């Protein structure tokens, strides 16, 4: 049975991806600080890409968007774990 994708489902998936991406950005911000880099410069680049991100997002099908969101969260947690492990070893 094929389930009809509603706009609400699509927006939820995009919101989930953006939350995962935001969490990853936050972690990168911590990494930038640890390396004595400017967080503002990094974030300004991440912000200028939002428009392109939305267009690219719409070109993927629902399953691809769901997988990307889930994998981005997985990537975040794996990088966070490595970062925290290294910080604890200092």
N, C-alpha and C. Protein backbone atom coordinates (compact mmCIF):
# COMPACT_ATOMS: atom_id res chain seq x y z
N UNK A 1 0.85 -1.18 0.00
CA UNK A 1 0.00 0.00 0.00
C UNK A 1 0.89 1.24 0.00
N UNK A 2 0.64 2.15 -0.88
CA UNK A 2 1.42 3.38 -0.98
C UNK A 2 0.75 4.45 -0.12
N UNK A 3 1.53 5.04 0.77
CA UNK A 3 1.01 6.08 1.66
C UNK A 3 1.20 7.42 0.98
N UNK A 4 0.16 8.22 0.98
CA UNK A 4 0.24 9.56 0.40
C UNK A 4 1.06 10.46 1.32
N UNK A 5 2.03 11.13 0.75
CA UNK A 5 2.87 12.05 1.50
C UNK A 5 2.16 13.38 1.60
N UNK A 6 1.97 13.84 2.79
CA UNK A 6 1.33 15.13 2.98
C UNK A 6 2.39 16.20 3.15
N UNK A 7 1.99 17.43 2.96
CA UNK A 7 2.93 18.54 3.15
C UNK A 7 3.42 18.56 4.60
N UNK A 8 2.54 18.19 5.52
CA UNK A 8 2.91 18.16 6.94
C UNK A 8 4.04 17.17 7.19
N UNK A 9 3.94 15.96 6.57
CA UNK A 9 5.00 14.96 6.70
C UNK A 9 6.32 15.49 6.16
N UNK A 10 6.25 16.12 5.00
CA UNK A 10 7.44 16.65 4.36
C UNK A 10 8.08 17.73 5.22
N UNK A 11 7.28 18.62 5.77
CA UNK A 11 7.81 19.68 6.62
C UNK A 11 8.41 19.11 7.90
N UNK A 12 7.79 18.06 8.44
CA UNK A 12 8.32 17.42 9.64
C UNK A 12 9.69 16.82 9.35
N UNK A 13 9.82 16.16 8.21
CA UNK A 13 11.10 15.55 7.84
C UNK A 13 12.16 16.61 7.62
N UNK A 14 11.80 17.70 6.94
CA UNK A 14 12.75 18.80 6.74
C UNK A 14 13.14 19.42 8.07
N UNK A 15 12.17 19.60 8.96
CA UNK A 15 12.45 20.15 10.29
C UNK A 15 13.40 19.22 11.06
N UNK A 16 13.18 17.92 10.95
CA UNK A 16 14.06 16.96 11.63
C UNK A 16 15.48 17.04 11.09
N UNK A 17 15.60 17.14 9.76
CA UNK A 17 16.93 17.28 9.16
C UNK A 17 17.59 18.57 9.63
N UNK A 18 16.84 19.67 9.63
CA UNK A 18 17.42 20.94 10.05
C UNK A 18 17.84 20.91 11.51
N UNK A 19 17.07 20.24 12.36
CA UNK A 19 17.45 20.11 13.77
C UNK A 19 18.74 19.31 13.90
N UNK A 20 18.84 18.23 13.13
CA UNK A 20 20.07 17.43 13.16
C UNK A 20 21.24 18.25 12.63
N UNK A 21 20.99 18.97 11.56
CA UNK A 21 22.04 19.80 10.98
C UNK A 21 22.46 20.91 11.95
N UNK A 22 21.49 21.49 12.64
CA UNK A 22 21.79 22.53 13.62
C UNK A 22 22.63 21.98 14.77
N UNK A 23 22.27 20.79 15.23
CA UNK A 23 23.05 20.16 16.30
C UNK A 23 24.48 19.90 15.83
N UNK A 24 24.61 19.47 14.59
CA UNK A 24 25.93 19.23 14.02
C UNK A 24 26.70 20.55 13.90
N UNK A 25 26.03 21.62 13.49
CA UNK A 25 26.66 22.94 13.42
C UNK A 25 27.17 23.37 14.80
N UNK A 26 26.35 23.11 15.81
CA UNK A 26 26.75 23.47 17.18
C UNK A 26 28.02 22.72 17.58
N UNK A 27 28.05 21.46 17.24
CA UNK A 27 29.24 20.66 17.54
C UNK A 27 30.45 21.19 16.76
N UNK A 28 30.25 21.54 15.49
CA UNK A 28 31.34 22.11 14.72
C UNK A 28 31.80 23.43 15.33
N UNK A 29 30.86 24.18 15.90
CA UNK A 29 31.21 25.42 16.58
C UNK A 29 32.14 25.15 17.75
N UNK A 30 31.86 24.11 18.49
CA UNK A 30 32.73 23.73 19.60
C UNK A 30 34.10 23.32 19.09
N UNK A 31 34.09 22.59 17.98
CA UNK A 31 35.37 22.18 17.39
C UNK A 31 36.14 23.40 16.89
N UNK A 32 35.43 24.37 16.29
CA UNK A 32 36.08 25.59 15.81
C UNK A 32 36.75 26.32 16.96
N UNK A 33 36.06 26.42 18.08
CA UNK A 33 36.63 27.09 19.25
C UNK A 33 37.86 26.33 19.76
N UNK A 34 37.77 25.02 19.76
CA UNK A 34 38.91 24.21 20.24
C UNK A 34 40.14 24.42 19.35
N UNK A 35 39.90 24.75 18.09
CA UNK A 35 41.00 24.98 17.14
C UNK A 35 41.32 26.47 16.98
N UNK A 36 40.73 27.31 17.84
CA UNK A 36 40.95 28.76 17.80
C UNK A 36 40.52 29.39 16.48
N UNK A 37 39.39 28.88 15.92
CA UNK A 37 38.83 29.43 14.69
C UNK A 37 37.60 30.27 15.01
N UNK A 38 37.23 31.16 14.12
CA UNK A 38 36.06 32.00 14.30
C UNK A 38 34.79 31.22 14.00
N UNK A 39 33.89 31.16 14.96
CA UNK A 39 32.59 30.51 14.77
C UNK A 39 31.73 31.35 13.83
N UNK A 40 31.84 32.68 13.95
CA UNK A 40 31.02 33.57 13.12
C UNK A 40 31.30 33.38 11.63
N UNK A 41 32.52 33.23 11.25
CA UNK A 41 32.85 33.02 9.84
C UNK A 41 32.24 31.71 9.35
N UNK A 42 32.37 30.68 10.14
CA UNK A 42 31.81 29.39 9.76
C UNK A 42 30.28 29.47 9.64
N UNK A 43 29.63 30.07 10.64
CA UNK A 43 28.17 30.14 10.62
C UNK A 43 27.63 31.00 9.50
N UNK A 44 28.36 32.04 9.11
CA UNK A 44 27.90 32.88 8.01
C UNK A 44 27.84 32.08 6.71
N UNK A 45 28.75 31.16 6.54
CA UNK A 45 28.70 30.29 5.36
C UNK A 45 27.52 29.33 5.42
N UNK A 46 27.26 28.81 6.57
CA UNK A 46 26.17 27.84 6.74
C UNK A 46 24.81 28.49 6.51
N UNK A 47 24.69 29.82 6.95
CA UNK A 47 23.41 30.51 6.81
C UNK A 47 23.01 30.75 5.40
N UNK A 48 24.32 31.41 4.34
CA UNK A 48 24.16 31.82 2.93
C UNK A 48 23.64 30.69 2.06
N UNK A 49 23.78 29.26 2.63
CA UNK A 49 23.44 28.06 1.86
C UNK A 49 21.99 27.63 2.05
N UNK A 50 21.20 28.20 3.00
CA UNK A 50 19.82 27.79 3.30
C UNK A 50 18.94 27.74 2.05
N UNK A 51 19.04 28.74 1.20
CA UNK A 51 18.20 28.80 0.00
C UNK A 51 18.50 27.61 -0.92
N UNK A 52 19.77 27.34 -1.14
CA UNK A 52 20.15 26.21 -1.99
C UNK A 52 19.74 24.90 -1.36
N UNK A 53 19.86 24.84 -0.03
CA UNK A 53 19.49 23.63 0.69
C UNK A 53 18.02 23.29 0.45
N UNK A 54 17.15 24.30 0.53
CA UNK A 54 15.72 24.06 0.33
C UNK A 54 15.41 23.56 -1.08
N UNK A 55 16.07 24.13 -2.07
CA UNK A 55 15.85 23.67 -3.45
C UNK A 55 16.36 22.24 -3.64
N UNK A 56 17.52 21.95 -3.09
CA UNK A 56 18.05 20.59 -3.21
C UNK A 56 17.15 19.60 -2.46
N UNK A 57 16.65 20.02 -1.29
CA UNK A 57 15.78 19.17 -0.47
C UNK A 57 14.53 18.76 -1.26
N UNK A 58 13.95 19.72 -1.95
CA UNK A 58 12.72 19.45 -2.72
C UNK A 58 12.96 18.52 -3.90
N UNK A 59 14.21 18.41 -4.35
CA UNK A 59 14.49 17.53 -5.49
C UNK A 59 14.66 16.07 -5.07
N UNK A 60 14.72 15.81 -3.76
CA UNK A 60 14.82 14.43 -3.28
C UNK A 60 13.43 13.88 -2.99
N UNK A 61 13.29 12.54 -3.08
CA UNK A 61 11.99 11.97 -2.72
C UNK A 61 11.91 11.79 -1.20
N UNK A 62 10.73 11.46 -0.72
CA UNK A 62 10.49 11.38 0.72
C UNK A 62 11.46 10.43 1.44
N UNK A 63 11.67 9.26 0.87
CA UNK A 63 12.55 8.27 1.50
C UNK A 63 13.99 8.78 1.60
N UNK A 64 14.45 9.47 0.58
CA UNK A 64 15.79 10.05 0.62
C UNK A 64 15.91 11.10 1.71
N UNK A 65 14.87 11.94 1.84
CA UNK A 65 14.90 12.97 2.88
C UNK A 65 14.91 12.37 4.27
N UNK A 66 14.12 11.32 4.46
CA UNK A 66 14.08 10.64 5.77
C UNK A 66 15.44 10.03 6.08
N UNK A 67 16.02 9.33 5.10
CA UNK A 67 17.32 8.70 5.31
C UNK A 67 18.40 9.73 5.60
N UNK A 68 18.38 10.85 4.87
CA UNK A 68 19.38 11.89 5.08
C UNK A 68 19.27 12.46 6.49
N UNK A 69 18.06 12.70 6.94
CA UNK A 69 17.85 13.23 8.28
C UNK A 69 18.37 12.24 9.34
N UNK A 70 18.00 10.98 9.19
CA UNK A 70 18.44 9.96 10.16
C UNK A 70 19.95 9.79 10.15
N UNK A 71 20.55 9.77 8.97
CA UNK A 71 22.00 9.60 8.88
C UNK A 71 22.76 10.82 9.38
N UNK A 72 22.18 12.02 9.20
CA UNK A 72 22.82 13.23 9.72
C UNK A 72 22.85 13.18 11.24
N UNK A 73 21.75 12.72 11.87
CA UNK A 73 21.75 12.56 13.33
C UNK A 73 22.78 11.53 13.76
N UNK A 74 22.88 10.44 13.01
CA UNK A 74 23.87 9.41 13.34
C UNK A 74 25.28 9.99 13.26
N UNK A 75 25.55 10.75 12.19
CA UNK A 75 26.86 11.38 12.04
C UNK A 75 27.15 12.31 13.20
N UNK A 76 26.15 13.12 13.58
CA UNK A 76 26.31 14.02 14.71
C UNK A 76 26.72 13.26 15.97
N UNK A 77 25.99 12.20 16.29
CA UNK A 77 26.27 11.45 17.51
C UNK A 77 27.65 10.77 17.48
N UNK A 78 28.04 10.28 16.33
CA UNK A 78 29.36 9.64 16.21
C UNK A 78 30.49 10.66 16.38
N UNK A 79 30.34 11.83 15.75
CA UNK A 79 31.37 12.87 15.88
C UNK A 79 31.39 13.40 17.31
N UNK A 80 30.22 13.62 17.88
CA UNK A 80 30.14 14.10 19.27
C UNK A 80 30.83 13.13 20.22
N UNK A 81 30.59 11.84 20.02
CA UNK A 81 31.20 10.83 20.88
C UNK A 81 32.73 10.87 20.78
N UNK A 82 33.25 10.98 19.57
CA UNK A 82 34.70 11.06 19.38
C UNK A 82 35.27 12.33 20.00
N UNK A 83 34.57 13.44 19.80
CA UNK A 83 35.01 14.72 20.37
C UNK A 83 35.05 14.66 21.89
N UNK A 84 33.98 14.17 22.49
CA UNK A 84 33.92 14.09 23.95
C UNK A 84 34.97 13.14 24.51
N UNK A 85 35.21 12.06 23.81
CA UNK A 85 36.23 11.10 24.24
C UNK A 85 37.61 11.76 24.24
N UNK A 86 37.88 12.53 23.17
CA UNK A 86 39.17 13.23 23.10
C UNK A 86 39.30 14.29 24.18
N UNK A 87 38.22 15.03 24.41
CA UNK A 87 38.24 16.07 25.44
C UNK A 87 38.48 15.46 26.83
N UNK A 88 37.91 14.31 27.07
CA UNK A 88 38.08 13.64 28.37
C UNK A 88 39.48 13.08 28.56
N UNK A 89 40.17 12.83 27.46
CA UNK A 89 41.53 12.30 27.54
C UNK A 89 42.57 13.39 27.78
N UNK A 90 42.17 14.65 27.65
CA UNK A 90 43.12 15.76 27.85
C UNK A 90 43.43 15.95 29.31
